[in-house]
Structures are given as structure tokens and as C-alpha cells.
Amino acid sequence: MAGSLIDRAAAYVADLVFPHVCAVCGRSLVAGEEVLCLHCRSALPQTHMHLMSPNPLEERLVGTVPVERAVAYCHYDRGSAYARLIQHAKYHGRPVIMRWLARRYAAGLHREGFFDGIDGILPVPMHFLKRMRRGFNQAEWVARGVQDATGLPMFDNLVAAHGHSSQTRRGGFGRWQNAQSLYKTVRPGDIDGLHLLIVDDVVTTGATVLACAAALRQASPTARLSVLAIASARTVSYTHLRAH
């Protein structure tokens, strides 16, 4: 009884802090709806990348570090309502949105066989000082959502070796420079020969996930790598970064 009362009190406080409304349009959610109303959920600009071979994200990442598969749930168009959904989750303390989106996406991919042969999930790490400021690492919440749907283990063999400035206002080459030497692999023997899924919230140029992949492959050349993100920018090409 006491536990039930505590749960109800916690739910009441959560409703006060985060009203039970659609995270995109603000409409009150009804029974059976969670995070997004049915209309906004059906209008989510999904990429359907898992049905393409190769897909635009794979083409963006190819040629630098071997990446076997790469998918993103939805298109990221800066300024759109759905981009604001991602930003709200990331910068306004609602990482549960990331987990919900990742769980829904991964459940569909799981039925399609996307995770066949993948041994574990590896979230893009965040330096501990930045994590202390934000309170969470959004990539870990994406990883938890994937884990909810697949049961795959989560690995922590990648760490952010030092802090870095935000990528948000940087151009493609600036993002690439900012990500270089940022990540390092620990206990590389634990991942030798494994197929790991690198997960992040948003892929724009691909500089961050490629820096992670490079650090992993340098430490463990037999590791196989794939990528999953919640969102991906539509038009950014990685080709000009490889030319520098």
C-alpha cells in the first residue's frame, strides 16, 4: 500500500514537472498514447534506411572506417518540430524521450533482422565533467532503449579522453577536427572479434561516430562495427571531410 502511494505521488510530481502532453504539438495525451500523440507519431519523418542498400547514412560514413550497417530512425531538419523534440530531450532534462524513441525503433528493426549477428551496444561516451553538468548522457538512454527491445548487452569500452566544445554550431570540417583524438578504447581485449553497435542521438556529418569507430578499430582491429542513431541530417555529405 505504501509503495503504491509513493508511486502515485511520484507520478503526480512528474505530471506537474512534465505535463502529460505530446512532446511535439503539446496536445494532451489520451489513454494509450505516450510521449507523442497518435497524429504526431504517424507524421514522424522516418528514414526507412534499413530498407535501402546502401542507404544515405552508410554512404556518408563509407571510406574512412569500416562500418557494416548504419541506420537512423528519422530525418533531422533543423528548426522542425521533430528536431525540437530531440533538442528538448537533450537539453531540457527529458532523456526518457530518447529511450522511448529508441525502443520503438529497435523493436521494428529487431523484427526485420537488423540486429542479427550484433553482439552488443556501445553508446557514444560523454566526458564526465559534461555529464555532471547535463546530468545524463543522451546516447546511453538511446542504448537503453535498444537494449529494452533486443536484450543485447551494453558495453563501456569507449571513453571520452578529454572534454570538448559543443558540436552544435560547427561546420562539417570543424566537427571532424573537434572529434579527433577525443575517444579512446579501454580493455580492448574484451571486444576482439565482436560486432558492436555504436549508438548516438543525432548524426550530422558523422564526425563523432567515425571518431568512435576509429578509436575502436585502432585498439581492436578485429572488432566489427555498425551504427544506429535516432536522427540523421538529410543533406550533409562526409566526402569533403575526407579530403582534408
C-alpha atoms as a PDB file:
ATOM      1  CA  MET A   1       0.000   0.000   0.000  1.00  0.00           C
ATOM      2  CA  ALA A   2       2.777   2.406   0.961  1.00  0.00           C
ATOM      3  CA  GLY A   3       4.664   1.646  -2.230  1.00  0.00           C
ATOM      4  CA  SER A   4       1.541   2.324  -4.266  1.00  0.00           C
ATOM      5  CA  LEU A   5       1.065   5.690  -2.562  1.00  0.00           C
ATOM      6  CA  ILE A   6       4.692   6.605  -3.218  1.00  0.00           C
ATOM      7  CA  ASP A   7       4.317   5.637  -6.879  1.00  0.00           C
ATOM      8  CA  ARG A   8       1.194   7.760  -7.197  1.00  0.00           C
ATOM      9  CA  ALA A   9       2.908  10.713  -5.521  1.00  0.00           C
ATOM     10  CA  ALA A  10       5.908  10.366  -7.818  1.00  0.00           C
ATOM     11  CA  ALA A  11       3.635  10.202 -10.864  1.00  0.00           C
ATOM     12  CA  TYR A  12       1.778  13.311  -9.671  1.00  0.00           C
ATOM     13  CA  VAL A  13       5.034  15.240  -9.257  1.00  0.00           C
ATOM     14  CA  ALA A  14       6.227  14.052 -12.678  1.00  0.00           C
ATOM     15  CA  ASP A  15       2.969  15.274 -14.244  1.00  0.00           C
ATOM     16  CA  LEU A  16       3.500  18.679 -12.674  1.00  0.00           C
ATOM     17  CA  VAL A  17       7.063  18.916 -13.970  1.00  0.00           C
ATOM     18  CA  PHE A  18       6.367  17.285 -17.344  1.00  0.00           C
ATOM     19  CA  PRO A  19       2.646  17.553 -18.145  1.00  0.00           C
ATOM     20  CA  HIS A  20       1.125  14.579 -19.934  1.00  0.00           C
ATOM     21  CA  VAL A  21       1.119  16.247 -23.319  1.00  0.00           C
ATOM     22  CA  CYS A  22       2.536  15.437 -26.740  1.00  0.00           C
ATOM     23  CA  ALA A  23       6.216  16.416 -26.866  1.00  0.00           C
ATOM     24  CA  VAL A  24       5.742  17.768 -30.402  1.00  0.00           C
ATOM     25  CA  CYS A  25       2.363  19.516 -30.636  1.00  0.00           C
ATOM     26  CA  GLY A  26       1.533  19.980 -26.942  1.00  0.00           C
ATOM     27  CA  ARG A  27      -1.881  18.317 -27.169  1.00  0.00           C
ATOM     28  CA  SER A  28      -2.998  16.382 -24.093  1.00  0.00           C
ATOM     29  CA  LEU A  29      -2.282  12.695 -24.456  1.00  0.00           C
ATOM     30  CA  VAL A  30      -5.099  10.203 -24.140  1.00  0.00           C
ATOM     31  CA  ALA A  31      -5.106   6.618 -22.899  1.00  0.00           C
ATOM     32  CA  GLY A  32      -2.675   4.501 -24.896  1.00  0.00           C
ATOM     33  CA  GLU A  33      -0.548   7.445 -26.026  1.00  0.00           C
ATOM     34  CA  GLU A  34       2.948   8.013 -24.679  1.00  0.00           C
ATOM     35  CA  VAL A  35       5.374  10.868 -25.426  1.00  0.00           C
ATOM     36  CA  LEU A  36       3.744  11.590 -28.815  1.00  0.00           C
ATOM     37  CA  CYS A  37       0.097  11.788 -29.766  1.00  0.00           C
ATOM     38  CA  LEU A  38      -1.083   9.388 -32.452  1.00  0.00           C
ATOM     39  CA  HIS A  39      -1.084  12.123 -35.106  1.00  0.00           C
ATOM     40  CA  CYS A  40       2.491  13.274 -34.426  1.00  0.00           C
ATOM     41  CA  ARG A  41       3.700   9.706 -34.127  1.00  0.00           C
ATOM     42  CA  SER A  42       2.262   8.843 -37.541  1.00  0.00           C
ATOM     43  CA  ALA A  43       3.798  12.015 -39.045  1.00  0.00           C
ATOM     44  CA  LEU A  44       7.301  11.267 -37.699  1.00  0.00           C
ATOM     45  CA  PRO A  45       9.664  11.772 -40.687  1.00  0.00           C
ATOM     46  CA  GLN A  46      11.050   8.247 -40.686  1.00  0.00           C
ATOM     47  CA  THR A  47      14.026   7.438 -42.903  1.00  0.00           C
ATOM     48  CA  HIS A  48      13.282   3.729 -43.575  1.00  0.00           C
ATOM     49  CA  MET A  49      17.048   3.384 -44.061  1.00  0.00           C
ATOM     50  CA  HIS A  50      17.000  -0.287 -43.096  1.00  0.00           C
ATOM     51  CA  LEU A  51      15.166  -0.975 -46.364  1.00  0.00           C
ATOM     52  CA  MET A  52      17.889   0.653 -48.516  1.00  0.00           C
ATOM     53  CA  SER A  53      21.235  -0.827 -49.525  1.00  0.00           C
ATOM     54  CA  PRO A  54      23.333   1.197 -49.357  1.00  0.00           C
ATOM     55  CA  ASN A  55      21.437   3.952 -47.581  1.00  0.00           C
ATOM     56  CA  PRO A  56      22.382   7.655 -47.321  1.00  0.00           C
ATOM     57  CA  LEU A  57      23.908   7.284 -43.862  1.00  0.00           C
ATOM     58  CA  GLU A  58      26.077   4.360 -44.903  1.00  0.00           C
ATOM     59  CA  GLU A  59      27.250   6.377 -47.907  1.00  0.00           C
ATOM     60  CA  ARG A  60      28.111   9.266 -45.604  1.00  0.00           C
ATOM     61  CA  LEU A  61      30.271   7.078 -43.386  1.00  0.00           C
ATOM     62  CA  VAL A  62      31.919   4.894 -46.016  1.00  0.00           C
ATOM     63  CA  GLY A  63      35.594   5.186 -46.878  1.00  0.00           C
ATOM     64  CA  THR A  64      37.064   6.131 -43.507  1.00  0.00           C
ATOM     65  CA  VAL A  65      36.415   3.302 -41.033  1.00  0.00           C
ATOM     66  CA  PRO A  66      34.685   0.030 -41.998  1.00  0.00           C
ATOM     67  CA  VAL A  67      31.056   0.308 -40.878  1.00  0.00           C
ATOM     68  CA  GLU A  68      28.876  -2.648 -41.798  1.00  0.00           C
ATOM     69  CA  ARG A  69      25.404  -1.193 -41.171  1.00  0.00           C
ATOM     70  CA  ALA A  70      24.166   2.296 -40.355  1.00  0.00           C
ATOM     71  CA  VAL A  71      20.601   3.431 -39.744  1.00  0.00           C
ATOM     72  CA  ALA A  72      18.711   6.357 -38.239  1.00  0.00           C
ATOM     73  CA  TYR A  73      15.075   6.445 -37.197  1.00  0.00           C
ATOM     74  CA  CYS A  74      14.062   9.859 -38.511  1.00  0.00           C
ATOM     75  CA  HIS A  75      15.310  12.792 -40.540  1.00  0.00           C
ATOM     76  CA  TYR A  76      16.758  15.722 -38.628  1.00  0.00           C
ATOM     77  CA  ASP A  77      15.683  19.005 -40.190  1.00  0.00           C
ATOM     78  CA  ARG A  78      16.921  21.849 -38.026  1.00  0.00           C
ATOM     79  CA  GLY A  79      14.048  24.018 -36.814  1.00  0.00           C
ATOM     80  CA  SER A  80      11.345  21.413 -37.432  1.00  0.00           C
ATOM     81  CA  ALA A  81       9.031  20.280 -34.658  1.00  0.00           C
ATOM     82  CA  TYR A  82      10.712  16.893 -34.605  1.00  0.00           C
ATOM     83  CA  ALA A  83      14.187  18.419 -34.354  1.00  0.00           C
ATOM     84  CA  ARG A  84      12.878  20.380 -31.375  1.00  0.00           C
ATOM     85  CA  LEU A  85      11.704  17.070 -29.895  1.00  0.00           C
ATOM     86  CA  ILE A  86      15.293  15.772 -29.963  1.00  0.00           C
ATOM     87  CA  GLN A  87      16.662  19.071 -28.636  1.00  0.00           C
ATOM     88  CA  HIS A  88      14.077  19.112 -25.844  1.00  0.00           C
ATOM     89  CA  ALA A  89      15.073  15.622 -24.739  1.00  0.00           C
ATOM     90  CA  LYS A  90      18.761  16.512 -24.845  1.00  0.00           C
ATOM     91  CA  TYR A  91      18.866  19.995 -23.351  1.00  0.00           C
ATOM     92  CA  HIS A  92      15.793  20.126 -21.126  1.00  0.00           C
ATOM     93  CA  GLY A  93      16.243  17.054 -18.973  1.00  0.00           C
ATOM     94  CA  ARG A  94      13.932  14.559 -20.677  1.00  0.00           C
ATOM     95  CA  PRO A  95      16.206  11.706 -21.803  1.00  0.00           C
ATOM     96  CA  VAL A  96      13.291   9.314 -21.369  1.00  0.00           C
ATOM     97  CA  ILE A  97      12.131  10.588 -24.771  1.00  0.00           C
ATOM     98  CA  MET A  98      15.328   9.182 -26.298  1.00  0.00           C
ATOM     99  CA  ARG A  99      14.762   5.832 -24.662  1.00  0.00           C
ATOM    100  CA  TRP A 100      11.162   5.684 -25.867  1.00  0.00           C
ATOM    101  CA  LEU A 101      12.101   6.528 -29.454  1.00  0.00           C
ATOM    102  CA  ALA A 102      14.999   4.053 -29.435  1.00  0.00           C
ATOM    103  CA  ARG A 103      12.823   1.267 -28.021  1.00  0.00           C
ATOM    104  CA  ARG A 104      10.170   1.766 -30.693  1.00  0.00           C
ATOM    105  CA  TYR A 105      12.730   1.935 -33.482  1.00  0.00           C
ATOM    106  CA  ALA A 106      14.747  -1.040 -32.276  1.00  0.00           C
ATOM    107  CA  ALA A 107      11.637  -3.191 -31.867  1.00  0.00           C
ATOM    108  CA  GLY A 108      10.814  -2.724 -35.543  1.00  0.00           C
ATOM    109  CA  LEU A 109      14.405  -3.314 -36.635  1.00  0.00           C
ATOM    110  CA  HIS A 110      14.578  -6.433 -34.479  1.00  0.00           C
ATOM    111  CA  ARG A 111      11.655  -7.961 -36.346  1.00  0.00           C
ATOM    112  CA  GLU A 112      13.439  -7.174 -39.631  1.00  0.00           C
ATOM    113  CA  GLY A 113      16.623  -8.960 -38.524  1.00  0.00           C
ATOM    114  CA  PHE A 114      18.791  -5.838 -38.311  1.00  0.00           C
ATOM    115  CA  PHE A 115      20.419  -6.981 -35.055  1.00  0.00           C
ATOM    116  CA  ASP A 116      21.304 -10.463 -36.285  1.00  0.00           C
ATOM    117  CA  GLY A 117      24.967 -11.108 -35.511  1.00  0.00           C
ATOM    118  CA  ILE A 118      25.398  -7.988 -33.366  1.00  0.00           C
ATOM    119  CA  ASP A 119      26.971  -8.811 -30.010  1.00  0.00           C
ATOM    120  CA  GLY A 120      26.396  -5.645 -28.023  1.00  0.00           C
ATOM    121  CA  ILE A 121      25.622  -1.938 -27.835  1.00  0.00           C
ATOM    122  CA  LEU A 122      28.199   0.784 -27.288  1.00  0.00           C
ATOM    123  CA  PRO A 123      26.899   4.327 -26.635  1.00  0.00           C
ATOM    124  CA  VAL A 124      28.967   7.316 -27.716  1.00  0.00           C
ATOM    125  CA  PRO A 125      30.601   8.365 -24.423  1.00  0.00           C
ATOM    126  CA  MET A 126      30.500  11.768 -22.775  1.00  0.00           C
ATOM    127  CA  HIS A 127      33.280  13.307 -20.704  1.00  0.00           C
ATOM    128  CA  PHE A 128      32.443  13.092 -17.009  1.00  0.00           C
ATOM    129  CA  LEU A 129      32.507  16.873 -16.492  1.00  0.00           C
ATOM    130  CA  LYS A 130      29.997  17.433 -19.272  1.00  0.00           C
ATOM    131  CA  ARG A 131      27.890  14.592 -17.939  1.00  0.00           C
ATOM    132  CA  MET A 132      27.890  16.176 -14.498  1.00  0.00           C
ATOM    133  CA  ARG A 133      26.682  19.472 -15.990  1.00  0.00           C
ATOM    134  CA  ARG A 134      23.923  17.884 -18.088  1.00  0.00           C
ATOM    135  CA  GLY A 135      23.011  15.155 -15.635  1.00  0.00           C
ATOM    136  CA  PHE A 136      22.985  12.328 -18.172  1.00  0.00           C
ATOM    137  CA  ASN A 137      24.486  11.070 -21.403  1.00  0.00           C
ATOM    138  CA  GLN A 138      21.719  11.013 -24.013  1.00  0.00           C
ATOM    139  CA  ALA A 139      23.477   8.292 -26.035  1.00  0.00           C
ATOM    140  CA  GLU A 140      23.231   5.964 -23.035  1.00  0.00           C
ATOM    141  CA  TRP A 141      19.464   6.495 -22.979  1.00  0.00           C
ATOM    142  CA  VAL A 142      19.334   5.596 -26.666  1.00  0.00           C
ATOM    143  CA  ALA A 143      21.342   2.470 -25.834  1.00  0.00           C
ATOM    144  CA  ARG A 144      18.929   1.583 -23.038  1.00  0.00           C
ATOM    145  CA  GLY A 145      16.018   1.807 -25.433  1.00  0.00           C
ATOM    146  CA  VAL A 146      17.771  -0.511 -27.880  1.00  0.00           C
ATOM    147  CA  GLN A 147      18.545  -2.857 -25.009  1.00  0.00           C
ATOM    148  CA  ASP A 148      14.884  -2.837 -23.916  1.00  0.00           C
ATOM    149  CA  ALA A 149      13.855  -4.095 -27.356  1.00  0.00           C
ATOM    150  CA  THR A 150      16.685  -6.532 -28.047  1.00  0.00           C
ATOM    151  CA  GLY A 151      18.156  -7.720 -24.759  1.00  0.00           C
ATOM    152  CA  LEU A 152      21.658  -7.060 -26.104  1.00  0.00           C
ATOM    153  CA  PRO A 153      24.339  -6.236 -23.507  1.00  0.00           C
ATOM    154  CA  MET A 154      25.733  -2.729 -23.213  1.00  0.00           C
ATOM    155  CA  PHE A 155      29.496  -2.233 -23.366  1.00  0.00           C
ATOM    156  CA  ASP A 156      31.524   0.596 -21.794  1.00  0.00           C
ATOM    157  CA  ASN A 157      34.846   0.056 -23.562  1.00  0.00           C
ATOM    158  CA  LEU A 158      34.831   3.503 -25.133  1.00  0.00           C
ATOM    159  CA  VAL A 159      35.534   6.626 -23.071  1.00  0.00           C
ATOM    160  CA  ALA A 160      35.856  10.336 -23.761  1.00  0.00           C
ATOM    161  CA  ALA A 161      39.522  11.002 -23.053  1.00  0.00           C
ATOM    162  CA  HIS A 162      39.010  14.726 -22.534  1.00  0.00           C
ATOM    163  CA  GLY A 163      36.317  17.345 -22.773  1.00  0.00           C
ATOM    164  CA  HIS A 164      35.452  19.141 -25.980  1.00  0.00           C
ATOM    165  CA  SER A 165      33.409  22.126 -27.003  1.00  0.00           C
ATOM    166  CA  SER A 166      29.911  21.724 -28.401  1.00  0.00           C
ATOM    167  CA  GLN A 167      29.492  20.488 -31.962  1.00  0.00           C
ATOM    168  CA  THR A 168      26.207  22.324 -32.439  1.00  0.00           C
ATOM    169  CA  ARG A 169      27.464  25.473 -34.191  1.00  0.00           C
ATOM    170  CA  ARG A 170      30.383  23.904 -36.038  1.00  0.00           C
ATOM    171  CA  GLY A 171      30.572  23.162 -39.733  1.00  0.00           C
ATOM    172  CA  GLY A 172      31.487  19.775 -41.127  1.00  0.00           C
ATOM    173  CA  PHE A 173      35.275  20.094 -41.010  1.00  0.00           C
ATOM    174  CA  GLY A 174      35.107  21.832 -37.630  1.00  0.00           C
ATOM    175  CA  ARG A 175      33.133  18.904 -36.204  1.00  0.00           C
ATOM    176  CA  TRP A 176      35.713  16.485 -37.559  1.00  0.00           C
ATOM    177  CA  GLN A 177      38.631  18.423 -36.025  1.00  0.00           C
ATOM    178  CA  ASN A 178      36.775  18.703 -32.727  1.00  0.00           C
ATOM    179  CA  ALA A 179      36.229  14.938 -32.547  1.00  0.00           C
ATOM    180  CA  GLN A 180      39.760  13.809 -33.368  1.00  0.00           C
ATOM    181  CA  SER A 181      41.613  12.091 -30.523  1.00  0.00           C
ATOM    182  CA  LEU A 182      38.637  12.658 -28.249  1.00  0.00           C
ATOM    183  CA  TYR A 183      37.829   8.989 -27.675  1.00  0.00           C
ATOM    184  CA  LYS A 184      39.900   6.041 -26.519  1.00  0.00           C
ATOM    185  CA  THR A 185      39.246   2.339 -26.025  1.00  0.00           C
ATOM    186  CA  VAL A 186      39.719   0.613 -22.685  1.00  0.00           C
ATOM    187  CA  ARG A 187      40.075  -3.161 -22.204  1.00  0.00           C
ATOM    188  CA  PRO A 188      40.283  -3.740 -25.977  1.00  0.00           C
ATOM    189  CA  GLY A 189      40.701  -7.483 -25.471  1.00  0.00           C
ATOM    190  CA  ASP A 190      37.084  -7.651 -24.278  1.00  0.00           C
ATOM    191  CA  ILE A 191      35.781  -6.614 -27.703  1.00  0.00           C
ATOM    192  CA  ASP A 192      38.144  -8.510 -30.011  1.00  0.00           C
ATOM    193  CA  GLY A 193      36.125 -10.145 -32.763  1.00  0.00           C
ATOM    194  CA  LEU A 194      32.797  -8.765 -31.540  1.00  0.00           C
ATOM    195  CA  HIS A 195      30.239  -6.935 -33.664  1.00  0.00           C
ATOM    196  CA  LEU A 196      29.339  -3.761 -31.759  1.00  0.00           C
ATOM    197  CA  LEU A 197      26.576  -1.265 -32.443  1.00  0.00           C
ATOM    198  CA  ILE A 198      27.676   2.337 -31.826  1.00  0.00           C
ATOM    199  CA  VAL A 199      24.620   4.395 -30.846  1.00  0.00           C
ATOM    200  CA  ASP A 200      24.074   8.160 -30.652  1.00  0.00           C
ATOM    201  CA  ASP A 201      21.180  10.588 -30.676  1.00  0.00           C
ATOM    202  CA  VAL A 202      21.864  12.603 -33.853  1.00  0.00           C
ATOM    203  CA  VAL A 203      24.301  12.111 -36.733  1.00  0.00           C
ATOM    204  CA  THR A 204      25.024  15.204 -38.801  1.00  0.00           C
ATOM    205  CA  THR A 205      28.398  14.995 -40.555  1.00  0.00           C
ATOM    206  CA  GLY A 206      29.202  11.657 -38.941  1.00  0.00           C
ATOM    207  CA  ALA A 207      32.395  13.001 -37.353  1.00  0.00           C
ATOM    208  CA  THR A 208      31.564  11.802 -33.843  1.00  0.00           C
ATOM    209  CA  VAL A 209      30.592   8.220 -34.660  1.00  0.00           C
ATOM    210  CA  LEU A 210      33.531   7.916 -37.059  1.00  0.00           C
ATOM    211  CA  ALA A 211      35.937   9.118 -34.361  1.00  0.00           C
ATOM    212  CA  CYS A 212      34.487   6.480 -32.036  1.00  0.00           C
ATOM    213  CA  ALA A 213      34.789   3.812 -34.723  1.00  0.00           C
ATOM    214  CA  ALA A 214      38.388   4.801 -35.466  1.00  0.00           C
ATOM    215  CA  ALA A 215      39.339   4.551 -31.779  1.00  0.00           C
ATOM    216  CA  LEU A 216      37.747   1.120 -31.513  1.00  0.00           C
ATOM    217  CA  ARG A 217      39.343  -0.272 -34.662  1.00  0.00           C
ATOM    218  CA  GLN A 218      42.758   1.113 -33.771  1.00  0.00           C
ATOM    219  CA  ALA A 219      42.678  -0.660 -30.407  1.00  0.00           C
ATOM    220  CA  SER A 220      40.881  -3.796 -31.619  1.00  0.00           C
ATOM    221  CA  PRO A 221      41.309  -4.331 -35.391  1.00  0.00           C
ATOM    222  CA  THR A 222      39.110  -7.444 -35.345  1.00  0.00           C
ATOM    223  CA  ALA A 223      36.083  -5.627 -33.935  1.00  0.00           C
ATOM    224  CA  ARG A 224      33.182  -5.194 -36.363  1.00  0.00           C
ATOM    225  CA  LEU A 225      31.122  -2.021 -36.161  1.00  0.00           C
ATOM    226  CA  SER A 226      27.670  -0.765 -37.057  1.00  0.00           C
ATOM    227  CA  VAL A 227      25.844   2.471 -36.205  1.00  0.00           C
ATOM    228  CA  LEU A 228      22.340   3.387 -35.018  1.00  0.00           C
ATOM    229  CA  ALA A 229      21.068   6.906 -34.349  1.00  0.00           C
ATOM    230  CA  ILE A 230      17.706   8.373 -33.505  1.00  0.00           C
ATOM    231  CA  ALA A 231      18.037  11.066 -36.166  1.00  0.00           C
ATOM    232  CA  SER A 232      20.225  11.939 -39.134  1.00  0.00           C
ATOM    233  CA  ALA A 233      20.644  15.181 -41.060  1.00  0.00           C
ATOM    234  CA  ARG A 234      19.395  14.763 -44.617  1.00  0.00           C
ATOM    235  CA  THR A 235      21.880  16.520 -46.842  1.00  0.00           C
ATOM    236  CA  VAL A 236      25.269  16.709 -45.125  1.00  0.00           C
ATOM    237  CA  SER A 237      27.964  14.867 -47.052  1.00  0.00           C
ATOM    238  CA  TYR A 238      31.087  13.496 -45.409  1.00  0.00           C
ATOM    239  CA  THR A 239      33.131  13.493 -48.615  1.00  0.00           C
ATOM    240  CA  HIS A 240      34.623  16.953 -48.092  1.00  0.00           C
ATOM    241  CA  LEU A 241      35.890  15.931 -44.655  1.00  0.00           C
ATOM    242  CA  ARG A 242      37.881  13.005 -46.042  1.00  0.00           C
ATOM    243  CA  ALA A 243      39.581  15.364 -48.480  1.00  0.00           C
ATOM    244  CA  HIS A 244      41.260  17.393 -45.717  1.00  0.00           C
END
